[in-house]
Amino acid sequence: VTGGFGAQGKARGRAVYTVNLYSG
C-alpha cells in the first residue's frame, strides 16, 4: 500500500493505491 485516502485510519475516502509485489 503506497497511499490514498482509503489507506488512512478512519478515513472518509475509499481509494487505496498499491504496487503489486510480483509484477510491480
PDBML (XML) file of the C-alpha atoms, coordinates in Angstrom:
<?xml version="1.0" encoding="UTF-8" ?>
<PDBx:datablock datablockName="MODEL"
   xmlns:PDBx="http://pdbml.pdb.org/schema/pdbx-v50.xsd"
   xmlns:xsi="http://www.w3.org/2001/XMLSchema-instance"
   xsi:schemaLocation="http://pdbml.pdb.org/schema/pdbx-v50.xsd pdbx-v50.xsd">
   <PDBx:atom_siteCategory>
      <PDBx:atom_site id="1">
         <PDBx:B_iso_or_equiv>0.00</PDBx:B_iso_or_equiv>
         <PDBx:Cartn_x>0.000</PDBx:Cartn_x>
         <PDBx:Cartn_y>0.000</PDBx:Cartn_y>
         <PDBx:Cartn_z>0.000</PDBx:Cartn_z>
         <PDBx:auth_asym_id>A</PDBx:auth_asym_id>
         <PDBx:auth_atom_id>CA</PDBx:auth_atom_id>
         <PDBx:auth_comp_id>VAL</PDBx:auth_comp_id>
         <PDBx:auth_seq_id>1</PDBx:auth_seq_id>
         <PDBx:group_PDB>ATOM</PDBx:group_PDB>
         <PDBx:label_alt_id xsi:nil="true" />
         <PDBx:label_asym_id>A</PDBx:label_asym_id>
         <PDBx:label_atom_id>CA</PDBx:label_atom_id>
         <PDBx:label_comp_id>VAL</PDBx:label_comp_id>
         <PDBx:label_entity_id>1</PDBx:label_entity_id>
         <PDBx:label_seq_id>1</PDBx:label_seq_id>
         <PDBx:occupancy>1.00</PDBx:occupancy>
         <PDBx:pdbx_PDB_model_num>1</PDBx:pdbx_PDB_model_num>
         <PDBx:type_symbol>C</PDBx:type_symbol>
      </PDBx:atom_site>
      <PDBx:atom_site id="2">
         <PDBx:B_iso_or_equiv>0.00</PDBx:B_iso_or_equiv>
         <PDBx:Cartn_x>1.570</PDBx:Cartn_x>
         <PDBx:Cartn_y>3.273</PDBx:Cartn_y>
         <PDBx:Cartn_z>-1.152</PDBx:Cartn_z>
         <PDBx:auth_asym_id>A</PDBx:auth_asym_id>
         <PDBx:auth_atom_id>CA</PDBx:auth_atom_id>
         <PDBx:auth_comp_id>THR</PDBx:auth_comp_id>
         <PDBx:auth_seq_id>2</PDBx:auth_seq_id>
         <PDBx:group_PDB>ATOM</PDBx:group_PDB>
         <PDBx:label_alt_id xsi:nil="true" />
         <PDBx:label_asym_id>A</PDBx:label_asym_id>
         <PDBx:label_atom_id>CA</PDBx:label_atom_id>
         <PDBx:label_comp_id>THR</PDBx:label_comp_id>
         <PDBx:label_entity_id>1</PDBx:label_entity_id>
         <PDBx:label_seq_id>2</PDBx:label_seq_id>
         <PDBx:occupancy>1.00</PDBx:occupancy>
         <PDBx:pdbx_PDB_model_num>1</PDBx:pdbx_PDB_model_num>
         <PDBx:type_symbol>C</PDBx:type_symbol>
      </PDBx:atom_site>
      <PDBx:atom_site id="3">
         <PDBx:B_iso_or_equiv>0.00</PDBx:B_iso_or_equiv>
         <PDBx:Cartn_x>-1.143</PDBx:Cartn_x>
         <PDBx:Cartn_y>5.828</PDBx:Cartn_y>
         <PDBx:Cartn_z>-0.400</PDBx:Cartn_z>
         <PDBx:auth_asym_id>A</PDBx:auth_asym_id>
         <PDBx:auth_atom_id>CA</PDBx:auth_atom_id>
         <PDBx:auth_comp_id>GLY</PDBx:auth_comp_id>
         <PDBx:auth_seq_id>3</PDBx:auth_seq_id>
         <PDBx:group_PDB>ATOM</PDBx:group_PDB>
         <PDBx:label_alt_id xsi:nil="true" />
         <PDBx:label_asym_id>A</PDBx:label_asym_id>
         <PDBx:label_atom_id>CA</PDBx:label_atom_id>
         <PDBx:label_comp_id>GLY</PDBx:label_comp_id>
         <PDBx:label_entity_id>1</PDBx:label_entity_id>
         <PDBx:label_seq_id>3</PDBx:label_seq_id>
         <PDBx:occupancy>1.00</PDBx:occupancy>
         <PDBx:pdbx_PDB_model_num>1</PDBx:pdbx_PDB_model_num>
         <PDBx:type_symbol>C</PDBx:type_symbol>
      </PDBx:atom_site>
      <PDBx:atom_site id="4">
         <PDBx:B_iso_or_equiv>0.00</PDBx:B_iso_or_equiv>
         <PDBx:Cartn_x>-4.690</PDBx:Cartn_x>
         <PDBx:Cartn_y>7.024</PDBx:Cartn_y>
         <PDBx:Cartn_z>-0.970</PDBx:Cartn_z>
         <PDBx:auth_asym_id>A</PDBx:auth_asym_id>
         <PDBx:auth_atom_id>CA</PDBx:auth_atom_id>
         <PDBx:auth_comp_id>GLY</PDBx:auth_comp_id>
         <PDBx:auth_seq_id>4</PDBx:auth_seq_id>
         <PDBx:group_PDB>ATOM</PDBx:group_PDB>
         <PDBx:label_alt_id xsi:nil="true" />
         <PDBx:label_asym_id>A</PDBx:label_asym_id>
         <PDBx:label_atom_id>CA</PDBx:label_atom_id>
         <PDBx:label_comp_id>GLY</PDBx:label_comp_id>
         <PDBx:label_entity_id>1</PDBx:label_entity_id>
         <PDBx:label_seq_id>4</PDBx:label_seq_id>
         <PDBx:occupancy>1.00</PDBx:occupancy>
         <PDBx:pdbx_PDB_model_num>1</PDBx:pdbx_PDB_model_num>
         <PDBx:type_symbol>C</PDBx:type_symbol>
      </PDBx:atom_site>
      <PDBx:atom_site id="5">
         <PDBx:B_iso_or_equiv>0.00</PDBx:B_iso_or_equiv>
         <PDBx:Cartn_x>-7.290</PDBx:Cartn_x>
         <PDBx:Cartn_y>8.452</PDBx:Cartn_y>
         <PDBx:Cartn_z>1.376</PDBx:Cartn_z>
         <PDBx:auth_asym_id>A</PDBx:auth_asym_id>
         <PDBx:auth_atom_id>CA</PDBx:auth_atom_id>
         <PDBx:auth_comp_id>PHE</PDBx:auth_comp_id>
         <PDBx:auth_seq_id>5</PDBx:auth_seq_id>
         <PDBx:group_PDB>ATOM</PDBx:group_PDB>
         <PDBx:label_alt_id xsi:nil="true" />
         <PDBx:label_asym_id>A</PDBx:label_asym_id>
         <PDBx:label_atom_id>CA</PDBx:label_atom_id>
         <PDBx:label_comp_id>PHE</PDBx:label_comp_id>
         <PDBx:label_entity_id>1</PDBx:label_entity_id>
         <PDBx:label_seq_id>5</PDBx:label_seq_id>
         <PDBx:occupancy>1.00</PDBx:occupancy>
         <PDBx:pdbx_PDB_model_num>1</PDBx:pdbx_PDB_model_num>
         <PDBx:type_symbol>C</PDBx:type_symbol>
      </PDBx:atom_site>
      <PDBx:atom_site id="6">
         <PDBx:B_iso_or_equiv>0.00</PDBx:B_iso_or_equiv>
         <PDBx:Cartn_x>-8.673</PDBx:Cartn_x>
         <PDBx:Cartn_y>4.969</PDBx:Cartn_y>
         <PDBx:Cartn_z>1.966</PDBx:Cartn_z>
         <PDBx:auth_asym_id>A</PDBx:auth_asym_id>
         <PDBx:auth_atom_id>CA</PDBx:auth_atom_id>
         <PDBx:auth_comp_id>GLY</PDBx:auth_comp_id>
         <PDBx:auth_seq_id>6</PDBx:auth_seq_id>
         <PDBx:group_PDB>ATOM</PDBx:group_PDB>
         <PDBx:label_alt_id xsi:nil="true" />
         <PDBx:label_asym_id>A</PDBx:label_asym_id>
         <PDBx:label_atom_id>CA</PDBx:label_atom_id>
         <PDBx:label_comp_id>GLY</PDBx:label_comp_id>
         <PDBx:label_entity_id>1</PDBx:label_entity_id>
         <PDBx:label_seq_id>6</PDBx:label_seq_id>
         <PDBx:occupancy>1.00</PDBx:occupancy>
         <PDBx:pdbx_PDB_model_num>1</PDBx:pdbx_PDB_model_num>
         <PDBx:type_symbol>C</PDBx:type_symbol>
      </PDBx:atom_site>
      <PDBx:atom_site id="7">
         <PDBx:B_iso_or_equiv>0.00</PDBx:B_iso_or_equiv>
         <PDBx:Cartn_x>-5.320</PDBx:Cartn_x>
         <PDBx:Cartn_y>3.825</PDBx:Cartn_y>
         <PDBx:Cartn_z>3.320</PDBx:Cartn_z>
         <PDBx:auth_asym_id>A</PDBx:auth_asym_id>
         <PDBx:auth_atom_id>CA</PDBx:auth_atom_id>
         <PDBx:auth_comp_id>ALA</PDBx:auth_comp_id>
         <PDBx:auth_seq_id>7</PDBx:auth_seq_id>
         <PDBx:group_PDB>ATOM</PDBx:group_PDB>
         <PDBx:label_alt_id xsi:nil="true" />
         <PDBx:label_asym_id>A</PDBx:label_asym_id>
         <PDBx:label_atom_id>CA</PDBx:label_atom_id>
         <PDBx:label_comp_id>ALA</PDBx:label_comp_id>
         <PDBx:label_entity_id>1</PDBx:label_entity_id>
         <PDBx:label_seq_id>7</PDBx:label_seq_id>
         <PDBx:occupancy>1.00</PDBx:occupancy>
         <PDBx:pdbx_PDB_model_num>1</PDBx:pdbx_PDB_model_num>
         <PDBx:type_symbol>C</PDBx:type_symbol>
      </PDBx:atom_site>
      <PDBx:atom_site id="8">
         <PDBx:B_iso_or_equiv>0.00</PDBx:B_iso_or_equiv>
         <PDBx:Cartn_x>-5.605</PDBx:Cartn_x>
         <PDBx:Cartn_y>6.195</PDBx:Cartn_y>
         <PDBx:Cartn_z>6.276</PDBx:Cartn_z>
         <PDBx:auth_asym_id>A</PDBx:auth_asym_id>
         <PDBx:auth_atom_id>CA</PDBx:auth_atom_id>
         <PDBx:auth_comp_id>GLN</PDBx:auth_comp_id>
         <PDBx:auth_seq_id>8</PDBx:auth_seq_id>
         <PDBx:group_PDB>ATOM</PDBx:group_PDB>
         <PDBx:label_alt_id xsi:nil="true" />
         <PDBx:label_asym_id>A</PDBx:label_asym_id>
         <PDBx:label_atom_id>CA</PDBx:label_atom_id>
         <PDBx:label_comp_id>GLN</PDBx:label_comp_id>
         <PDBx:label_entity_id>1</PDBx:label_entity_id>
         <PDBx:label_seq_id>8</PDBx:label_seq_id>
         <PDBx:occupancy>1.00</PDBx:occupancy>
         <PDBx:pdbx_PDB_model_num>1</PDBx:pdbx_PDB_model_num>
         <PDBx:type_symbol>C</PDBx:type_symbol>
      </PDBx:atom_site>
      <PDBx:atom_site id="9">
         <PDBx:B_iso_or_equiv>0.00</PDBx:B_iso_or_equiv>
         <PDBx:Cartn_x>-7.293</PDBx:Cartn_x>
         <PDBx:Cartn_y>5.290</PDBx:Cartn_y>
         <PDBx:Cartn_z>9.539</PDBx:Cartn_z>
         <PDBx:auth_asym_id>A</PDBx:auth_asym_id>
         <PDBx:auth_atom_id>CA</PDBx:auth_atom_id>
         <PDBx:auth_comp_id>GLY</PDBx:auth_comp_id>
         <PDBx:auth_seq_id>9</PDBx:auth_seq_id>
         <PDBx:group_PDB>ATOM</PDBx:group_PDB>
         <PDBx:label_alt_id xsi:nil="true" />
         <PDBx:label_asym_id>A</PDBx:label_asym_id>
         <PDBx:label_atom_id>CA</PDBx:label_atom_id>
         <PDBx:label_comp_id>GLY</PDBx:label_comp_id>
         <PDBx:label_entity_id>1</PDBx:label_entity_id>
         <PDBx:label_seq_id>9</PDBx:label_seq_id>
         <PDBx:occupancy>1.00</PDBx:occupancy>
         <PDBx:pdbx_PDB_model_num>1</PDBx:pdbx_PDB_model_num>
         <PDBx:type_symbol>C</PDBx:type_symbol>
      </PDBx:atom_site>
      <PDBx:atom_site id="10">
         <PDBx:B_iso_or_equiv>0.00</PDBx:B_iso_or_equiv>
         <PDBx:Cartn_x>-10.975</PDBx:Cartn_x>
         <PDBx:Cartn_y>6.264</PDBx:Cartn_y>
         <PDBx:Cartn_z>9.886</PDBx:Cartn_z>
         <PDBx:auth_asym_id>A</PDBx:auth_asym_id>
         <PDBx:auth_atom_id>CA</PDBx:auth_atom_id>
         <PDBx:auth_comp_id>LYS</PDBx:auth_comp_id>
         <PDBx:auth_seq_id>10</PDBx:auth_seq_id>
         <PDBx:group_PDB>ATOM</PDBx:group_PDB>
         <PDBx:label_alt_id xsi:nil="true" />
         <PDBx:label_asym_id>A</PDBx:label_asym_id>
         <PDBx:label_atom_id>CA</PDBx:label_atom_id>
         <PDBx:label_comp_id>LYS</PDBx:label_comp_id>
         <PDBx:label_entity_id>1</PDBx:label_entity_id>
         <PDBx:label_seq_id>10</PDBx:label_seq_id>
         <PDBx:occupancy>1.00</PDBx:occupancy>
         <PDBx:pdbx_PDB_model_num>1</PDBx:pdbx_PDB_model_num>
         <PDBx:type_symbol>C</PDBx:type_symbol>
      </PDBx:atom_site>
      <PDBx:atom_site id="11">
         <PDBx:B_iso_or_equiv>0.00</PDBx:B_iso_or_equiv>
         <PDBx:Cartn_x>-10.784</PDBx:Cartn_x>
         <PDBx:Cartn_y>7.999</PDBx:Cartn_y>
         <PDBx:Cartn_z>6.519</PDBx:Cartn_z>
         <PDBx:auth_asym_id>A</PDBx:auth_asym_id>
         <PDBx:auth_atom_id>CA</PDBx:auth_atom_id>
         <PDBx:auth_comp_id>ALA</PDBx:auth_comp_id>
         <PDBx:auth_seq_id>11</PDBx:auth_seq_id>
         <PDBx:group_PDB>ATOM</PDBx:group_PDB>
         <PDBx:label_alt_id xsi:nil="true" />
         <PDBx:label_asym_id>A</PDBx:label_asym_id>
         <PDBx:label_atom_id>CA</PDBx:label_atom_id>
         <PDBx:label_comp_id>ALA</PDBx:label_comp_id>
         <PDBx:label_entity_id>1</PDBx:label_entity_id>
         <PDBx:label_seq_id>11</PDBx:label_seq_id>
         <PDBx:occupancy>1.00</PDBx:occupancy>
         <PDBx:pdbx_PDB_model_num>1</PDBx:pdbx_PDB_model_num>
         <PDBx:type_symbol>C</PDBx:type_symbol>
      </PDBx:atom_site>
      <PDBx:atom_site id="12">
         <PDBx:B_iso_or_equiv>0.00</PDBx:B_iso_or_equiv>
         <PDBx:Cartn_x>-13.856</PDBx:Cartn_x>
         <PDBx:Cartn_y>9.019</PDBx:Cartn_y>
         <PDBx:Cartn_z>4.556</PDBx:Cartn_z>
         <PDBx:auth_asym_id>A</PDBx:auth_asym_id>
         <PDBx:auth_atom_id>CA</PDBx:auth_atom_id>
         <PDBx:auth_comp_id>ARG</PDBx:auth_comp_id>
         <PDBx:auth_seq_id>12</PDBx:auth_seq_id>
         <PDBx:group_PDB>ATOM</PDBx:group_PDB>
         <PDBx:label_alt_id xsi:nil="true" />
         <PDBx:label_asym_id>A</PDBx:label_asym_id>
         <PDBx:label_atom_id>CA</PDBx:label_atom_id>
         <PDBx:label_comp_id>ARG</PDBx:label_comp_id>
         <PDBx:label_entity_id>1</PDBx:label_entity_id>
         <PDBx:label_seq_id>12</PDBx:label_seq_id>
         <PDBx:occupancy>1.00</PDBx:occupancy>
         <PDBx:pdbx_PDB_model_num>1</PDBx:pdbx_PDB_model_num>
         <PDBx:type_symbol>C</PDBx:type_symbol>
      </PDBx:atom_site>
      <PDBx:atom_site id="13">
         <PDBx:B_iso_or_equiv>0.00</PDBx:B_iso_or_equiv>
         <PDBx:Cartn_x>-12.127</PDBx:Cartn_x>
         <PDBx:Cartn_y>8.207</PDBx:Cartn_y>
         <PDBx:Cartn_z>1.292</PDBx:Cartn_z>
         <PDBx:auth_asym_id>A</PDBx:auth_asym_id>
         <PDBx:auth_atom_id>CA</PDBx:auth_atom_id>
         <PDBx:auth_comp_id>GLY</PDBx:auth_comp_id>
         <PDBx:auth_seq_id>13</PDBx:auth_seq_id>
         <PDBx:group_PDB>ATOM</PDBx:group_PDB>
         <PDBx:label_alt_id xsi:nil="true" />
         <PDBx:label_asym_id>A</PDBx:label_asym_id>
         <PDBx:label_atom_id>CA</PDBx:label_atom_id>
         <PDBx:label_comp_id>GLY</PDBx:label_comp_id>
         <PDBx:label_entity_id>1</PDBx:label_entity_id>
         <PDBx:label_seq_id>13</PDBx:label_seq_id>
         <PDBx:occupancy>1.00</PDBx:occupancy>
         <PDBx:pdbx_PDB_model_num>1</PDBx:pdbx_PDB_model_num>
         <PDBx:type_symbol>C</PDBx:type_symbol>
      </PDBx:atom_site>
      <PDBx:atom_site id="14">
         <PDBx:B_iso_or_equiv>0.00</PDBx:B_iso_or_equiv>
         <PDBx:Cartn_x>-12.032</PDBx:Cartn_x>
         <PDBx:Cartn_y>4.712</PDBx:Cartn_y>
         <PDBx:Cartn_z>-0.194</PDBx:Cartn_z>
         <PDBx:auth_asym_id>A</PDBx:auth_asym_id>
         <PDBx:auth_atom_id>CA</PDBx:auth_atom_id>
         <PDBx:auth_comp_id>ARG</PDBx:auth_comp_id>
         <PDBx:auth_seq_id>14</PDBx:auth_seq_id>
         <PDBx:group_PDB>ATOM</PDBx:group_PDB>
         <PDBx:label_alt_id xsi:nil="true" />
         <PDBx:label_asym_id>A</PDBx:label_asym_id>
         <PDBx:label_atom_id>CA</PDBx:label_atom_id>
         <PDBx:label_comp_id>ARG</PDBx:label_comp_id>
         <PDBx:label_entity_id>1</PDBx:label_entity_id>
         <PDBx:label_seq_id>14</PDBx:label_seq_id>
         <PDBx:occupancy>1.00</PDBx:occupancy>
         <PDBx:pdbx_PDB_model_num>1</PDBx:pdbx_PDB_model_num>
         <PDBx:type_symbol>C</PDBx:type_symbol>
      </PDBx:atom_site>
      <PDBx:atom_site id="15">
         <PDBx:B_iso_or_equiv>0.00</PDBx:B_iso_or_equiv>
         <PDBx:Cartn_x>-9.120</PDBx:Cartn_x>
         <PDBx:Cartn_y>4.800</PDBx:Cartn_y>
         <PDBx:Cartn_z>-2.648</PDBx:Cartn_z>
         <PDBx:auth_asym_id>A</PDBx:auth_asym_id>
         <PDBx:auth_atom_id>CA</PDBx:auth_atom_id>
         <PDBx:auth_comp_id>ALA</PDBx:auth_comp_id>
         <PDBx:auth_seq_id>15</PDBx:auth_seq_id>
         <PDBx:group_PDB>ATOM</PDBx:group_PDB>
         <PDBx:label_alt_id xsi:nil="true" />
         <PDBx:label_asym_id>A</PDBx:label_asym_id>
         <PDBx:label_atom_id>CA</PDBx:label_atom_id>
         <PDBx:label_comp_id>ALA</PDBx:label_comp_id>
         <PDBx:label_entity_id>1</PDBx:label_entity_id>
         <PDBx:label_seq_id>15</PDBx:label_seq_id>
         <PDBx:occupancy>1.00</PDBx:occupancy>
         <PDBx:pdbx_PDB_model_num>1</PDBx:pdbx_PDB_model_num>
         <PDBx:type_symbol>C</PDBx:type_symbol>
      </PDBx:atom_site>
      <PDBx:atom_site id="16">
         <PDBx:B_iso_or_equiv>0.00</PDBx:B_iso_or_equiv>
         <PDBx:Cartn_x>-6.085</PDBx:Cartn_x>
         <PDBx:Cartn_y>2.689</PDBx:Cartn_y>
         <PDBx:Cartn_z>-1.792</PDBx:Cartn_z>
         <PDBx:auth_asym_id>A</PDBx:auth_asym_id>
         <PDBx:auth_atom_id>CA</PDBx:auth_atom_id>
         <PDBx:auth_comp_id>VAL</PDBx:auth_comp_id>
         <PDBx:auth_seq_id>16</PDBx:auth_seq_id>
         <PDBx:group_PDB>ATOM</PDBx:group_PDB>
         <PDBx:label_alt_id xsi:nil="true" />
         <PDBx:label_asym_id>A</PDBx:label_asym_id>
         <PDBx:label_atom_id>CA</PDBx:label_atom_id>
         <PDBx:label_comp_id>VAL</PDBx:label_comp_id>
         <PDBx:label_entity_id>1</PDBx:label_entity_id>
         <PDBx:label_seq_id>16</PDBx:label_seq_id>
         <PDBx:occupancy>1.00</PDBx:occupancy>
         <PDBx:pdbx_PDB_model_num>1</PDBx:pdbx_PDB_model_num>
         <PDBx:type_symbol>C</PDBx:type_symbol>
      </PDBx:atom_site>
      <PDBx:atom_site id="17">
         <PDBx:B_iso_or_equiv>0.00</PDBx:B_iso_or_equiv>
         <PDBx:Cartn_x>-3.083</PDBx:Cartn_x>
         <PDBx:Cartn_y>2.899</PDBx:Cartn_y>
         <PDBx:Cartn_z>-4.125</PDBx:Cartn_z>
         <PDBx:auth_asym_id>A</PDBx:auth_asym_id>
         <PDBx:auth_atom_id>CA</PDBx:auth_atom_id>
         <PDBx:auth_comp_id>TYR</PDBx:auth_comp_id>
         <PDBx:auth_seq_id>17</PDBx:auth_seq_id>
         <PDBx:group_PDB>ATOM</PDBx:group_PDB>
         <PDBx:label_alt_id xsi:nil="true" />
         <PDBx:label_asym_id>A</PDBx:label_asym_id>
         <PDBx:label_atom_id>CA</PDBx:label_atom_id>
         <PDBx:label_comp_id>TYR</PDBx:label_comp_id>
         <PDBx:label_entity_id>1</PDBx:label_entity_id>
         <PDBx:label_seq_id>17</PDBx:label_seq_id>
         <PDBx:occupancy>1.00</PDBx:occupancy>
         <PDBx:pdbx_PDB_model_num>1</PDBx:pdbx_PDB_model_num>
         <PDBx:type_symbol>C</PDBx:type_symbol>
      </PDBx:atom_site>
      <PDBx:atom_site id="18">
         <PDBx:B_iso_or_equiv>0.00</PDBx:B_iso_or_equiv>
         <PDBx:Cartn_x>-0.830</PDBx:Cartn_x>
         <PDBx:Cartn_y>-0.130</PDBx:Cartn_y>
         <PDBx:Cartn_z>-4.330</PDBx:Cartn_z>
         <PDBx:auth_asym_id>A</PDBx:auth_asym_id>
         <PDBx:auth_atom_id>CA</PDBx:auth_atom_id>
         <PDBx:auth_comp_id>THR</PDBx:auth_comp_id>
         <PDBx:auth_seq_id>18</PDBx:auth_seq_id>
         <PDBx:group_PDB>ATOM</PDBx:group_PDB>
         <PDBx:label_alt_id xsi:nil="true" />
         <PDBx:label_asym_id>A</PDBx:label_asym_id>
         <PDBx:label_atom_id>CA</PDBx:label_atom_id>
         <PDBx:label_comp_id>THR</PDBx:label_comp_id>
         <PDBx:label_entity_id>1</PDBx:label_entity_id>
         <PDBx:label_seq_id>18</PDBx:label_seq_id>
         <PDBx:occupancy>1.00</PDBx:occupancy>
         <PDBx:pdbx_PDB_model_num>1</PDBx:pdbx_PDB_model_num>
         <PDBx:type_symbol>C</PDBx:type_symbol>
      </PDBx:atom_site>
      <PDBx:atom_site id="19">
         <PDBx:B_iso_or_equiv>0.00</PDBx:B_iso_or_equiv>
         <PDBx:Cartn_x>2.108</PDBx:Cartn_x>
         <PDBx:Cartn_y>-1.773</PDBx:Cartn_y>
         <PDBx:Cartn_z>-6.038</PDBx:Cartn_z>
         <PDBx:auth_asym_id>A</PDBx:auth_asym_id>
         <PDBx:auth_atom_id>CA</PDBx:auth_atom_id>
         <PDBx:auth_comp_id>VAL</PDBx:auth_comp_id>
         <PDBx:auth_seq_id>19</PDBx:auth_seq_id>
         <PDBx:group_PDB>ATOM</PDBx:group_PDB>
         <PDBx:label_alt_id xsi:nil="true" />
         <PDBx:label_asym_id>A</PDBx:label_asym_id>
         <PDBx:label_atom_id>CA</PDBx:label_atom_id>
         <PDBx:label_comp_id>VAL</PDBx:label_comp_id>
         <PDBx:label_entity_id>1</PDBx:label_entity_id>
         <PDBx:label_seq_id>19</PDBx:label_seq_id>
         <PDBx:occupancy>1.00</PDBx:occupancy>
         <PDBx:pdbx_PDB_model_num>1</PDBx:pdbx_PDB_model_num>
         <PDBx:type_symbol>C</PDBx:type_symbol>
      </PDBx:atom_site>
      <PDBx:atom_site id="20">
         <PDBx:B_iso_or_equiv>0.00</PDBx:B_iso_or_equiv>
         <PDBx:Cartn_x>1.759</PDBx:Cartn_x>
         <PDBx:Cartn_y>-5.469</PDBx:Cartn_y>
         <PDBx:Cartn_z>-6.793</PDBx:Cartn_z>
         <PDBx:auth_asym_id>A</PDBx:auth_asym_id>
         <PDBx:auth_atom_id>CA</PDBx:auth_atom_id>
         <PDBx:auth_comp_id>ASN</PDBx:auth_comp_id>
         <PDBx:auth_seq_id>20</PDBx:auth_seq_id>
         <PDBx:group_PDB>ATOM</PDBx:group_PDB>
         <PDBx:label_alt_id xsi:nil="true" />
         <PDBx:label_asym_id>A</PDBx:label_asym_id>
         <PDBx:label_atom_id>CA</PDBx:label_atom_id>
         <PDBx:label_comp_id>ASN</PDBx:label_comp_id>
         <PDBx:label_entity_id>1</PDBx:label_entity_id>
         <PDBx:label_seq_id>20</PDBx:label_seq_id>
         <PDBx:occupancy>1.00</PDBx:occupancy>
         <PDBx:pdbx_PDB_model_num>1</PDBx:pdbx_PDB_model_num>
         <PDBx:type_symbol>C</PDBx:type_symbol>
      </PDBx:atom_site>
      <PDBx:atom_site id="21">
         <PDBx:B_iso_or_equiv>0.00</PDBx:B_iso_or_equiv>
         <PDBx:Cartn_x>4.711</PDBx:Cartn_x>
         <PDBx:Cartn_y>-7.292</PDBx:Cartn_y>
         <PDBx:Cartn_z>-5.210</PDBx:Cartn_z>
         <PDBx:auth_asym_id>A</PDBx:auth_asym_id>
         <PDBx:auth_atom_id>CA</PDBx:auth_atom_id>
         <PDBx:auth_comp_id>LEU</PDBx:auth_comp_id>
         <PDBx:auth_seq_id>21</PDBx:auth_seq_id>
         <PDBx:group_PDB>ATOM</PDBx:group_PDB>
         <PDBx:label_alt_id xsi:nil="true" />
         <PDBx:label_asym_id>A</PDBx:label_asym_id>
         <PDBx:label_atom_id>CA</PDBx:label_atom_id>
         <PDBx:label_comp_id>LEU</PDBx:label_comp_id>
         <PDBx:label_entity_id>1</PDBx:label_entity_id>
         <PDBx:label_seq_id>21</PDBx:label_seq_id>
         <PDBx:occupancy>1.00</PDBx:occupancy>
         <PDBx:pdbx_PDB_model_num>1</PDBx:pdbx_PDB_model_num>
         <PDBx:type_symbol>C</PDBx:type_symbol>
      </PDBx:atom_site>
      <PDBx:atom_site id="22">
         <PDBx:B_iso_or_equiv>0.00</PDBx:B_iso_or_equiv>
         <PDBx:Cartn_x>5.049</PDBx:Cartn_x>
         <PDBx:Cartn_y>-9.827</PDBx:Cartn_y>
         <PDBx:Cartn_z>-8.011</PDBx:Cartn_z>
         <PDBx:auth_asym_id>A</PDBx:auth_asym_id>
         <PDBx:auth_atom_id>CA</PDBx:auth_atom_id>
         <PDBx:auth_comp_id>TYR</PDBx:auth_comp_id>
         <PDBx:auth_seq_id>22</PDBx:auth_seq_id>
         <PDBx:group_PDB>ATOM</PDBx:group_PDB>
         <PDBx:label_alt_id xsi:nil="true" />
         <PDBx:label_asym_id>A</PDBx:label_asym_id>
         <PDBx:label_atom_id>CA</PDBx:label_atom_id>
         <PDBx:label_comp_id>TYR</PDBx:label_comp_id>
         <PDBx:label_entity_id>1</PDBx:label_entity_id>
         <PDBx:label_seq_id>22</PDBx:label_seq_id>
         <PDBx:occupancy>1.00</PDBx:occupancy>
         <PDBx:pdbx_PDB_model_num>1</PDBx:pdbx_PDB_model_num>
         <PDBx:type_symbol>C</PDBx:type_symbol>
      </PDBx:atom_site>
      <PDBx:atom_site id="23">
         <PDBx:B_iso_or_equiv>0.00</PDBx:B_iso_or_equiv>
         <PDBx:Cartn_x>4.505</PDBx:Cartn_x>
         <PDBx:Cartn_y>-7.728</PDBx:Cartn_y>
         <PDBx:Cartn_z>-11.135</PDBx:Cartn_z>
         <PDBx:auth_asym_id>A</PDBx:auth_asym_id>
         <PDBx:auth_atom_id>CA</PDBx:auth_atom_id>
         <PDBx:auth_comp_id>SER</PDBx:auth_comp_id>
         <PDBx:auth_seq_id>23</PDBx:auth_seq_id>
         <PDBx:group_PDB>ATOM</PDBx:group_PDB>
         <PDBx:label_alt_id xsi:nil="true" />
         <PDBx:label_asym_id>A</PDBx:label_asym_id>
         <PDBx:label_atom_id>CA</PDBx:label_atom_id>
         <PDBx:label_comp_id>SER</PDBx:label_comp_id>
         <PDBx:label_entity_id>1</PDBx:label_entity_id>
         <PDBx:label_seq_id>23</PDBx:label_seq_id>
         <PDBx:occupancy>1.00</PDBx:occupancy>
         <PDBx:pdbx_PDB_model_num>1</PDBx:pdbx_PDB_model_num>
         <PDBx:type_symbol>C</PDBx:type_symbol>
      </PDBx:atom_site>
      <PDBx:atom_site id="24">
         <PDBx:B_iso_or_equiv>0.00</PDBx:B_iso_or_equiv>
         <PDBx:Cartn_x>5.389</PDBx:Cartn_x>
         <PDBx:Cartn_y>-4.264</PDBx:Cartn_y>
         <PDBx:Cartn_z>-9.847</PDBx:Cartn_z>
         <PDBx:auth_asym_id>A</PDBx:auth_asym_id>
         <PDBx:auth_atom_id>CA</PDBx:auth_atom_id>
         <PDBx:auth_comp_id>GLY</PDBx:auth_comp_id>
         <PDBx:auth_seq_id>24</PDBx:auth_seq_id>
         <PDBx:group_PDB>ATOM</PDBx:group_PDB>
         <PDBx:label_alt_id xsi:nil="true" />
         <PDBx:label_asym_id>A</PDBx:label_asym_id>
         <PDBx:label_atom_id>CA</PDBx:label_atom_id>
         <PDBx:label_comp_id>GLY</PDBx:label_comp_id>
         <PDBx:label_entity_id>1</PDBx:label_entity_id>
         <PDBx:label_seq_id>24</PDBx:label_seq_id>
         <PDBx:occupancy>1.00</PDBx:occupancy>
         <PDBx:pdbx_PDB_model_num>1</PDBx:pdbx_PDB_model_num>
         <PDBx:type_symbol>C</PDBx:type_symbol>
      </PDBx:atom_site>
   </PDBx:atom_siteCategory>
</PDBx:datablock>
